[in-house]
Amino acid sequence: IQVLIKDGKDGNTDHLNEGWAQLGEGGEAFSEKVEDGEVSGRLEDLQGRVNLNNLFRLMPTGTPPKSDVASIQSITRKRLERLLQHCEVDPEVALAVEDWIDEDIEPQFPAGAEDEAYSGVTPSYRTANRRMASPSELLLVKGITPEAFRCLEPLVCTLPDASHINVNTAPAGVLAALVDDDKFGMAAADELVKKRGEEGYDSVTAFLTAANLKAEDVGQEFLVVSSDYFLAHINAQVGSGSIYLKSLLHRKETRVTVIRRTIGAQ
């Protein structure tokens, strides 16, 4: 938390060569000795991923007035479709993901899935019809296999509010999902990751220039070069006992708040 607070005071961009991303020597996880044991961990920027909860009817903080709920839902749906294609899943499964999150019980045509799609399985269950608490909920969605989830997991997140994508921390898979394949692809995305250099892009405009993309092609108003949400991975081992903790952190100016904690297997 102190590292994130200091970083927030020091600059207006967030990239993978900053202190929060390299807490230990050589960019490895930090490690601290404690009595009879050791505590280690690392920080991860979750705004380098596609936020599935953008499909919920909620606007991200700071969105220009001209943007509406339908815009971010539509853009996120298209990005998810491209991620699904990347993971060799029918892109129409994005409708089933949206049905899992939206508040109504009407399945979207042609591949949506509401309660009736899950009532015949054993044990049967219902759609959540609310924002996802964890990407692991994808495993409950019709059309998402364990193999597909393993591919999607490092590319998606489930933040409590709608959010922008940080082009300085997004992996190539996410950058490639920003636009249609005929305009952009994994090879171009890999090249953009290299072009970020040690300091990252200082603006979204600089990113678009480097990518040779138009603002309207990528939904520029939903891209940023800084982040508010981070995930802390912590491992503690004392004697023969060990524990793994994940904490979702929200940074706003010089204040960092713990939003959610999860204890369990890594």
C-alpha atoms as a PDB file:
ATOM      1  CA  ILE A   1       0.000   0.000   0.000  1.00  0.00           C
ATOM      2  CA  GLN A   2       2.830   2.395   0.825  1.00  0.00           C
ATOM      3  CA  VAL A   3       4.495   1.626  -2.518  1.00  0.00           C
ATOM      4  CA  LEU A   4       1.249   2.425  -4.362  1.00  0.00           C
ATOM      5  CA  ILE A   5       0.757   5.657  -2.426  1.00  0.00           C
ATOM      6  CA  LYS A   6       4.294   6.797  -3.218  1.00  0.00           C
ATOM      7  CA  ASP A   7       3.856   5.875  -6.873  1.00  0.00           C
ATOM      8  CA  GLY A   8       0.648   7.867  -7.052  1.00  0.00           C
ATOM      9  CA  LYS A   9       2.485  10.950  -5.814  1.00  0.00           C
ATOM     10  CA  ASP A  10       5.440  10.499  -8.168  1.00  0.00           C
ATOM     11  CA  GLY A  11       3.761  10.396 -11.585  1.00  0.00           C
ATOM     12  CA  ASN A  12       0.673  10.369 -13.765  1.00  0.00           C
ATOM     13  CA  THR A  13       1.309   7.088 -15.582  1.00  0.00           C
ATOM     14  CA  ASP A  14       1.600   3.465 -14.496  1.00  0.00           C
ATOM     15  CA  HIS A  15       3.827   1.011 -16.334  1.00  0.00           C
ATOM     16  CA  LEU A  16       5.677  -2.240 -15.668  1.00  0.00           C
ATOM     17  CA  ASN A  17       9.029  -0.647 -14.829  1.00  0.00           C
ATOM     18  CA  GLU A  18       7.734   1.268 -11.805  1.00  0.00           C
ATOM     19  CA  GLY A  19       8.394   0.364  -8.191  1.00  0.00           C
ATOM     20  CA  TRP A  20       4.995  -1.225  -7.567  1.00  0.00           C
ATOM     21  CA  ALA A  21       5.679  -3.741 -10.371  1.00  0.00           C
ATOM     22  CA  GLN A  22       9.220  -4.475  -9.184  1.00  0.00           C
ATOM     23  CA  LEU A  23       9.026  -4.721  -5.428  1.00  0.00           C
ATOM     24  CA  GLY A  24      11.993  -7.067  -5.200  1.00  0.00           C
ATOM     25  CA  GLU A  25      15.422  -7.077  -6.805  1.00  0.00           C
ATOM     26  CA  GLY A  26      15.325  -7.878 -10.499  1.00  0.00           C
ATOM     27  CA  GLY A  27      11.548  -7.450 -10.622  1.00  0.00           C
ATOM     28  CA  GLU A  28      10.943 -10.568  -8.529  1.00  0.00           C
ATOM     29  CA  ALA A  29       8.458 -10.751  -5.684  1.00  0.00           C
ATOM     30  CA  PHE A  30       9.553  -9.006  -2.510  1.00  0.00           C
ATOM     31  CA  SER A  31      10.532 -11.213   0.401  1.00  0.00           C
ATOM     32  CA  GLU A  32      10.776 -10.317   4.105  1.00  0.00           C
ATOM     33  CA  LYS A  33      11.999 -12.506   6.934  1.00  0.00           C
ATOM     34  CA  VAL A  34       9.751 -12.727   9.983  1.00  0.00           C
ATOM     35  CA  GLU A  35      10.135 -14.706  13.190  1.00  0.00           C
ATOM     36  CA  ASP A  36      10.352 -18.404  12.228  1.00  0.00           C
ATOM     37  CA  GLY A  37       9.285 -17.698   8.663  1.00  0.00           C
ATOM     38  CA  GLU A  38       9.002 -15.510   5.603  1.00  0.00           C
ATOM     39  CA  VAL A  39       6.442 -13.247   3.894  1.00  0.00           C
ATOM     40  CA  SER A  40       6.677 -12.694   0.135  1.00  0.00           C
ATOM     41  CA  GLY A  41       4.462 -11.211  -2.536  1.00  0.00           C
ATOM     42  CA  ARG A  42       3.943  -9.045  -5.590  1.00  0.00           C
ATOM     43  CA  LEU A  43       1.547  -6.480  -7.051  1.00  0.00           C
ATOM     44  CA  GLU A  44      -0.384  -6.840 -10.310  1.00  0.00           C
ATOM     45  CA  ASP A  45      -2.252  -4.140 -12.225  1.00  0.00           C
ATOM     46  CA  LEU A  46      -5.765  -5.406 -12.926  1.00  0.00           C
ATOM     47  CA  GLN A  47      -6.546  -2.589 -15.345  1.00  0.00           C
ATOM     48  CA  GLY A  48      -4.320  -4.266 -17.889  1.00  0.00           C
ATOM     49  CA  ARG A  49      -7.210  -6.704 -18.382  1.00  0.00           C
ATOM     50  CA  VAL A  50     -10.724  -6.622 -19.855  1.00  0.00           C
ATOM     51  CA  ASN A  51     -13.180  -5.981 -17.021  1.00  0.00           C
ATOM     52  CA  LEU A  52     -16.137  -8.324 -17.486  1.00  0.00           C
ATOM     53  CA  ASN A  53     -18.231  -6.179 -15.174  1.00  0.00           C
ATOM     54  CA  ASN A  54     -18.195  -3.430 -17.787  1.00  0.00           C
ATOM     55  CA  LEU A  55     -21.077  -5.463 -19.226  1.00  0.00           C
ATOM     56  CA  PHE A  56     -23.137  -4.375 -16.220  1.00  0.00           C
ATOM     57  CA  ARG A  57     -25.103  -1.140 -16.553  1.00  0.00           C
ATOM     58  CA  LEU A  58     -22.626   1.129 -14.783  1.00  0.00           C
ATOM     59  CA  MET A  59     -20.383   3.877 -16.104  1.00  0.00           C
ATOM     60  CA  PRO A  60     -16.680   4.207 -15.217  1.00  0.00           C
ATOM     61  CA  THR A  61     -15.600   7.202 -13.190  1.00  0.00           C
ATOM     62  CA  GLY A  62     -14.385  10.054 -15.376  1.00  0.00           C
ATOM     63  CA  THR A  63     -16.136   8.951 -18.562  1.00  0.00           C
ATOM     64  CA  PRO A  64     -16.924  11.933 -20.830  1.00  0.00           C
ATOM     65  CA  PRO A  65     -20.597  12.996 -20.745  1.00  0.00           C
ATOM     66  CA  LYS A  66     -21.071  12.076 -24.421  1.00  0.00           C
ATOM     67  CA  SER A  67     -20.410   8.419 -23.591  1.00  0.00           C
ATOM     68  CA  ASP A  68     -23.297   6.309 -22.417  1.00  0.00           C
ATOM     69  CA  VAL A  69     -23.802   2.921 -20.815  1.00  0.00           C
ATOM     70  CA  ALA A  70     -24.487   1.260 -24.162  1.00  0.00           C
ATOM     71  CA  SER A  71     -21.099   2.404 -25.468  1.00  0.00           C
ATOM     72  CA  ILE A  72     -18.950   0.694 -22.850  1.00  0.00           C
ATOM     73  CA  GLN A  73     -21.149  -2.407 -22.893  1.00  0.00           C
ATOM     74  CA  SER A  74     -20.856  -2.683 -26.655  1.00  0.00           C
ATOM     75  CA  ILE A  75     -17.099  -2.074 -26.689  1.00  0.00           C
ATOM     76  CA  THR A  76     -16.505  -4.574 -23.882  1.00  0.00           C
ATOM     77  CA  ARG A  77     -18.670  -7.174 -25.610  1.00  0.00           C
ATOM     78  CA  LYS A  78     -16.618  -6.839 -28.802  1.00  0.00           C
ATOM     79  CA  ARG A  79     -13.359  -7.097 -26.854  1.00  0.00           C
ATOM     80  CA  LEU A  80     -14.617 -10.206 -25.078  1.00  0.00           C
ATOM     81  CA  GLU A  81     -15.647 -11.729 -28.417  1.00  0.00           C
ATOM     82  CA  ARG A  82     -12.092 -11.239 -29.690  1.00  0.00           C
ATOM     83  CA  LEU A  83     -10.631 -12.762 -26.527  1.00  0.00           C
ATOM     84  CA  LEU A  84     -12.924 -15.765 -26.968  1.00  0.00           C
ATOM     85  CA  GLN A  85     -11.759 -16.160 -30.556  1.00  0.00           C
ATOM     86  CA  HIS A  86      -8.158 -15.976 -29.348  1.00  0.00           C
ATOM     87  CA  CYS A  87      -8.983 -18.824 -26.927  1.00  0.00           C
ATOM     88  CA  GLU A  88     -10.676 -20.834 -29.701  1.00  0.00           C
ATOM     89  CA  VAL A  89     -14.184 -20.328 -28.280  1.00  0.00           C
ATOM     90  CA  ASP A  90     -17.260 -19.306 -30.286  1.00  0.00           C
ATOM     91  CA  PRO A  91     -17.395 -15.493 -29.895  1.00  0.00           C
ATOM     92  CA  GLU A  92     -21.180 -15.687 -29.440  1.00  0.00           C
ATOM     93  CA  VAL A  93     -20.496 -17.119 -25.965  1.00  0.00           C
ATOM     94  CA  ALA A  94     -19.969 -13.464 -25.002  1.00  0.00           C
ATOM     95  CA  LEU A  95     -23.783 -13.198 -24.923  1.00  0.00           C
ATOM     96  CA  ALA A  96     -23.948 -15.972 -22.319  1.00  0.00           C
ATOM     97  CA  VAL A  97     -21.369 -14.128 -20.217  1.00  0.00           C
ATOM     98  CA  GLU A  98     -23.412 -10.943 -20.459  1.00  0.00           C
ATOM     99  CA  ASP A  99     -26.610 -12.818 -19.523  1.00  0.00           C
ATOM    100  CA  TRP A 100     -24.816 -14.116 -16.431  1.00  0.00           C
ATOM    101  CA  ILE A 101     -24.149 -10.523 -15.366  1.00  0.00           C
ATOM    102  CA  ASP A 102     -27.181  -8.530 -16.548  1.00  0.00           C
ATOM    103  CA  GLU A 103     -30.201  -8.054 -14.293  1.00  0.00           C
ATOM    104  CA  ASP A 104     -32.905  -9.497 -16.553  1.00  0.00           C
ATOM    105  CA  ILE A 105     -33.841 -13.144 -17.141  1.00  0.00           C
ATOM    106  CA  GLU A 106     -34.301 -12.959 -20.922  1.00  0.00           C
ATOM    107  CA  PRO A 107     -31.612 -14.844 -22.881  1.00  0.00           C
ATOM    108  CA  GLN A 108     -30.071 -12.894 -25.743  1.00  0.00           C
ATOM    109  CA  PHE A 109     -30.329 -14.276 -29.255  1.00  0.00           C
ATOM    110  CA  PRO A 110     -28.718 -16.424 -30.529  1.00  0.00           C
ATOM    111  CA  ALA A 111     -26.343 -17.738 -27.838  1.00  0.00           C
ATOM    112  CA  GLY A 112     -27.467 -16.144 -24.585  1.00  0.00           C
ATOM    113  CA  ALA A 113     -28.122 -18.265 -21.487  1.00  0.00           C
ATOM    114  CA  GLU A 114     -30.353 -17.554 -18.500  1.00  0.00           C
ATOM    115  CA  ASP A 115     -31.762 -19.832 -15.773  1.00  0.00           C
ATOM    116  CA  GLU A 116     -33.289 -22.431 -18.095  1.00  0.00           C
ATOM    117  CA  ALA A 117     -29.854 -23.189 -19.579  1.00  0.00           C
ATOM    118  CA  TYR A 118     -28.576 -24.336 -16.186  1.00  0.00           C
ATOM    119  CA  SER A 119     -31.687 -25.917 -14.657  1.00  0.00           C
ATOM    120  CA  GLY A 120     -31.015 -29.280 -16.340  1.00  0.00           C
ATOM    121  CA  VAL A 121     -27.483 -29.812 -15.044  1.00  0.00           C
ATOM    122  CA  THR A 122     -26.604 -31.623 -11.803  1.00  0.00           C
ATOM    123  CA  PRO A 123     -26.557 -29.844  -9.485  1.00  0.00           C
ATOM    124  CA  SER A 124     -28.750 -27.216 -11.132  1.00  0.00           C
ATOM    125  CA  TYR A 125     -28.168 -23.522 -10.536  1.00  0.00           C
ATOM    126  CA  ARG A 126     -29.306 -20.086 -11.657  1.00  0.00           C
ATOM    127  CA  THR A 127     -27.578 -17.150 -13.300  1.00  0.00           C
ATOM    128  CA  ALA A 128     -26.118 -14.615 -10.877  1.00  0.00           C
ATOM    129  CA  ASN A 129     -27.731 -11.583 -12.599  1.00  0.00           C
ATOM    130  CA  ARG A 130     -25.225  -9.288 -10.932  1.00  0.00           C
ATOM    131  CA  ARG A 131     -21.600  -8.283 -11.340  1.00  0.00           C
ATOM    132  CA  MET A 132     -19.073 -11.091 -11.066  1.00  0.00           C
ATOM    133  CA  ALA A 133     -17.063 -11.333  -7.854  1.00  0.00           C
ATOM    134  CA  SER A 134     -14.340 -13.438  -9.494  1.00  0.00           C
ATOM    135  CA  PRO A 135     -13.303 -14.471 -13.021  1.00  0.00           C
ATOM    136  CA  SER A 136     -13.735 -18.071 -11.830  1.00  0.00           C
ATOM    137  CA  GLU A 137     -17.492 -17.561 -12.273  1.00  0.00           C
ATOM    138  CA  LEU A 138     -16.825 -17.985 -15.981  1.00  0.00           C
ATOM    139  CA  LEU A 139     -16.572 -21.727 -15.296  1.00  0.00           C
ATOM    140  CA  LEU A 140     -20.319 -21.670 -14.579  1.00  0.00           C
ATOM    141  CA  VAL A 141     -21.196 -19.966 -17.860  1.00  0.00           C
ATOM    142  CA  LYS A 142     -22.504 -22.050 -20.755  1.00  0.00           C
ATOM    143  CA  GLY A 143     -19.810 -22.476 -23.387  1.00  0.00           C
ATOM    144  CA  ILE A 144     -16.787 -21.858 -21.125  1.00  0.00           C
ATOM    145  CA  THR A 145     -14.721 -25.016 -20.697  1.00  0.00           C
ATOM    146  CA  PRO A 146     -11.854 -25.393 -18.196  1.00  0.00           C
ATOM    147  CA  GLU A 147      -9.417 -25.070 -21.120  1.00  0.00           C
ATOM    148  CA  ALA A 148     -11.080 -21.860 -22.271  1.00  0.00           C
ATOM    149  CA  PHE A 149     -11.001 -20.472 -18.729  1.00  0.00           C
ATOM    150  CA  ARG A 150      -7.283 -21.139 -18.388  1.00  0.00           C
ATOM    151  CA  CYS A 151      -6.743 -19.134 -21.568  1.00  0.00           C
ATOM    152  CA  LEU A 152      -9.062 -16.275 -20.532  1.00  0.00           C
ATOM    153  CA  GLU A 153      -8.064 -15.999 -16.865  1.00  0.00           C
ATOM    154  CA  PRO A 154      -4.910 -13.848 -17.313  1.00  0.00           C
ATOM    155  CA  LEU A 155      -6.731 -11.548 -19.747  1.00  0.00           C
ATOM    156  CA  VAL A 156      -9.905 -10.671 -17.805  1.00  0.00           C
ATOM    157  CA  CYS A 157     -10.838  -9.248 -14.399  1.00  0.00           C
ATOM    158  CA  THR A 158     -13.983  -8.542 -12.382  1.00  0.00           C
ATOM    159  CA  LEU A 159     -13.591  -5.110 -10.816  1.00  0.00           C
ATOM    160  CA  PRO A 160     -16.436  -3.689  -8.697  1.00  0.00           C
ATOM    161  CA  ASP A 161     -16.811  -0.657 -10.986  1.00  0.00           C
ATOM    162  CA  ALA A 162     -16.639  -0.272 -14.737  1.00  0.00           C
ATOM    163  CA  SER A 163     -13.057   0.562 -15.691  1.00  0.00           C
ATOM    164  CA  HIS A 164     -10.696   1.596 -18.466  1.00  0.00           C
ATOM    165  CA  ILE A 165      -7.823  -0.492 -19.882  1.00  0.00           C
ATOM    166  CA  ASN A 166      -4.277   0.686 -19.153  1.00  0.00           C
ATOM    167  CA  VAL A 167      -2.375   0.279 -22.435  1.00  0.00           C
ATOM    168  CA  ASN A 168       0.921   0.453 -20.519  1.00  0.00           C
ATOM    169  CA  THR A 169       0.288  -2.748 -18.569  1.00  0.00           C
ATOM    170  CA  ALA A 170      -2.050  -4.711 -20.849  1.00  0.00           C
ATOM    171  CA  PRO A 171      -0.482  -7.897 -22.276  1.00  0.00           C
ATOM    172  CA  ALA A 172      -0.406  -8.457 -26.027  1.00  0.00           C
ATOM    173  CA  GLY A 173      -3.544 -10.605 -25.863  1.00  0.00           C
ATOM    174  CA  VAL A 174      -5.573  -7.715 -24.459  1.00  0.00           C
ATOM    175  CA  LEU A 175      -4.085  -5.140 -26.849  1.00  0.00           C
ATOM    176  CA  ALA A 176      -4.945  -7.402 -29.784  1.00  0.00           C
ATOM    177  CA  ALA A 177      -8.555  -7.535 -28.559  1.00  0.00           C
ATOM    178  CA  LEU A 178      -8.955  -3.756 -28.785  1.00  0.00           C
ATOM    179  CA  VAL A 179      -9.728  -3.842 -32.509  1.00  0.00           C
ATOM    180  CA  ASP A 180     -10.799  -6.289 -35.212  1.00  0.00           C
ATOM    181  CA  ASP A 181      -8.211  -8.788 -36.424  1.00  0.00           C
ATOM    182  CA  ASP A 182      -8.298  -7.429 -39.967  1.00  0.00           C
ATOM    183  CA  LYS A 183      -6.961  -4.116 -38.627  1.00  0.00           C
ATOM    184  CA  PHE A 184      -4.735  -5.438 -35.884  1.00  0.00           C
ATOM    185  CA  GLY A 185      -3.414  -8.775 -34.633  1.00  0.00           C
ATOM    186  CA  MET A 186      -1.143 -10.543 -32.162  1.00  0.00           C
ATOM    187  CA  ALA A 187       2.025  -9.743 -34.120  1.00  0.00           C
ATOM    188  CA  ALA A 188       1.207  -6.023 -34.049  1.00  0.00           C
ATOM    189  CA  ALA A 189       0.250  -6.251 -30.378  1.00  0.00           C
ATOM    190  CA  ASP A 190       3.567  -7.934 -29.516  1.00  0.00           C
ATOM    191  CA  GLU A 191       5.366  -5.108 -31.308  1.00  0.00           C
ATOM    192  CA  LEU A 192       3.435  -2.490 -29.309  1.00  0.00           C
ATOM    193  CA  VAL A 193       4.444  -4.161 -26.058  1.00  0.00           C
ATOM    194  CA  LYS A 194       8.078  -3.800 -27.164  1.00  0.00           C
ATOM    195  CA  LYS A 195       7.549  -0.168 -28.197  1.00  0.00           C
ATOM    196  CA  ARG A 196       6.299   0.725 -24.705  1.00  0.00           C
ATOM    197  CA  GLY A 197       9.920   0.764 -23.612  1.00  0.00           C
ATOM    198  CA  GLU A 198      10.947   1.416 -20.018  1.00  0.00           C
ATOM    199  CA  GLU A 199       8.641   4.379 -19.448  1.00  0.00           C
ATOM    200  CA  GLY A 200       5.496   3.241 -21.250  1.00  0.00           C
ATOM    201  CA  TYR A 201       3.288   5.517 -23.323  1.00  0.00           C
ATOM    202  CA  ASP A 202       2.806   8.972 -21.791  1.00  0.00           C
ATOM    203  CA  SER A 203      -0.693   9.315 -23.278  1.00  0.00           C
ATOM    204  CA  VAL A 204      -3.365   7.338 -25.073  1.00  0.00           C
ATOM    205  CA  THR A 205      -2.696   9.502 -28.121  1.00  0.00           C
ATOM    206  CA  ALA A 206       0.931   8.325 -28.130  1.00  0.00           C
ATOM    207  CA  PHE A 207      -0.279   4.722 -28.007  1.00  0.00           C
ATOM    208  CA  LEU A 208      -2.677   5.254 -30.915  1.00  0.00           C
ATOM    209  CA  THR A 209       0.093   6.897 -32.944  1.00  0.00           C
ATOM    210  CA  ALA A 210       2.465   3.992 -32.290  1.00  0.00           C
ATOM    211  CA  ALA A 211      -0.281   1.508 -33.174  1.00  0.00           C
ATOM    212  CA  ASN A 212      -1.386   3.484 -36.243  1.00  0.00           C
ATOM    213  CA  LEU A 213      -4.980   3.278 -35.018  1.00  0.00           C
ATOM    214  CA  LYS A 214      -7.840   5.743 -35.060  1.00  0.00           C
ATOM    215  CA  ALA A 215      -9.562   6.776 -31.835  1.00  0.00           C
ATOM    216  CA  GLU A 216     -12.928   5.533 -33.069  1.00  0.00           C
ATOM    217  CA  ASP A 217     -11.463   2.095 -33.818  1.00  0.00           C
ATOM    218  CA  VAL A 218     -10.595   1.369 -30.202  1.00  0.00           C
ATOM    219  CA  GLY A 219     -12.999   3.385 -28.043  1.00  0.00           C
ATOM    220  CA  GLN A 220     -10.306   5.867 -27.001  1.00  0.00           C
ATOM    221  CA  GLU A 221     -12.372   7.248 -24.123  1.00  0.00           C
ATOM    222  CA  PHE A 222     -12.113   3.860 -22.399  1.00  0.00           C
ATOM    223  CA  LEU A 223      -8.312   3.626 -22.591  1.00  0.00           C
ATOM    224  CA  VAL A 224      -5.851   5.131 -20.075  1.00  0.00           C
ATOM    225  CA  VAL A 225      -2.154   5.150 -19.179  1.00  0.00           C
ATOM    226  CA  SER A 226      -2.661   4.969 -15.408  1.00  0.00           C
ATOM    227  CA  SER A 227      -4.447   2.593 -13.042  1.00  0.00           C
ATOM    228  CA  ASP A 228      -6.620   2.569  -9.942  1.00  0.00           C
ATOM    229  CA  TYR A 229      -7.022  -1.160  -9.222  1.00  0.00           C
ATOM    230  CA  PHE A 230      -4.232  -3.533  -8.189  1.00  0.00           C
ATOM    231  CA  LEU A 231      -4.082  -7.084  -6.869  1.00  0.00           C
ATOM    232  CA  ALA A 232      -1.662  -7.962  -4.074  1.00  0.00           C
ATOM    233  CA  HIS A 233      -0.499 -11.594  -3.995  1.00  0.00           C
ATOM    234  CA  ILE A 234       0.905 -12.491  -0.555  1.00  0.00           C
ATOM    235  CA  ASN A 235       2.468 -15.738   0.641  1.00  0.00           C
ATOM    236  CA  ALA A 236       3.250 -16.226   4.324  1.00  0.00           C
ATOM    237  CA  GLN A 237       5.082 -19.189   5.809  1.00  0.00           C
ATOM    238  CA  VAL A 238       5.755 -19.537   9.524  1.00  0.00           C
ATOM    239  CA  GLY A 239       7.130 -22.797  10.811  1.00  0.00           C
ATOM    240  CA  SER A 240       5.285 -25.594   9.018  1.00  0.00           C
ATOM    241  CA  GLY A 241       2.211 -23.452   8.301  1.00  0.00           C
ATOM    242  CA  SER A 242       1.600 -21.433   5.161  1.00  0.00           C
ATOM    243  CA  ILE A 243      -1.139 -19.218   3.749  1.00  0.00           C
ATOM    244  CA  TYR A 244      -1.847 -17.464   0.449  1.00  0.00           C
ATOM    245  CA  LEU A 245      -3.759 -14.173   0.404  1.00  0.00           C
ATOM    246  CA  LYS A 246      -5.054 -12.042  -2.457  1.00  0.00           C
ATOM    247  CA  SER A 247      -6.138  -8.462  -1.757  1.00  0.00           C
ATOM    248  CA  LEU A 248      -7.919  -6.237  -4.277  1.00  0.00           C
ATOM    249  CA  LEU A 249      -6.672  -2.678  -3.732  1.00  0.00           C
ATOM    250  CA  HIS A 250      -8.234   0.551  -5.001  1.00  0.00           C
ATOM    251  CA  ARG A 251      -6.039   3.638  -5.229  1.00  0.00           C
ATOM    252  CA  LYS A 252      -7.609   7.069  -5.413  1.00  0.00           C
ATOM    253  CA  GLU A 253      -5.118   9.933  -5.321  1.00  0.00           C
ATOM    254  CA  THR A 254      -3.065   9.273  -2.142  1.00  0.00           C
ATOM    255  CA  ARG A 255      -5.455   6.824  -0.500  1.00  0.00           C
ATOM    256  CA  VAL A 256      -5.460   3.042  -0.982  1.00  0.00           C
ATOM    257  CA  THR A 257      -8.443   0.971   0.162  1.00  0.00           C
ATOM    258  CA  VAL A 258      -8.708  -2.804   0.500  1.00  0.00           C
ATOM    259  CA  ILE A 259     -11.829  -3.779  -1.456  1.00  0.00           C
ATOM    260  CA  ARG A 260     -11.746  -7.546  -1.071  1.00  0.00           C
ATOM    261  CA  ARG A 261      -9.537 -10.273   0.406  1.00  0.00           C
ATOM    262  CA  THR A 262      -9.423 -13.937  -0.543  1.00  0.00           C
ATOM    263  CA  ILE A 263      -7.573 -16.653   1.341  1.00  0.00           C
ATOM    264  CA  GLY A 264      -6.907 -20.005  -0.261  1.00  0.00           C
ATOM    265  CA  ALA A 265      -4.904 -22.007  -2.749  1.00  0.00           C
ATOM    266  CA  GLN A 266      -2.662 -20.115  -5.149  1.00  0.00           C
END
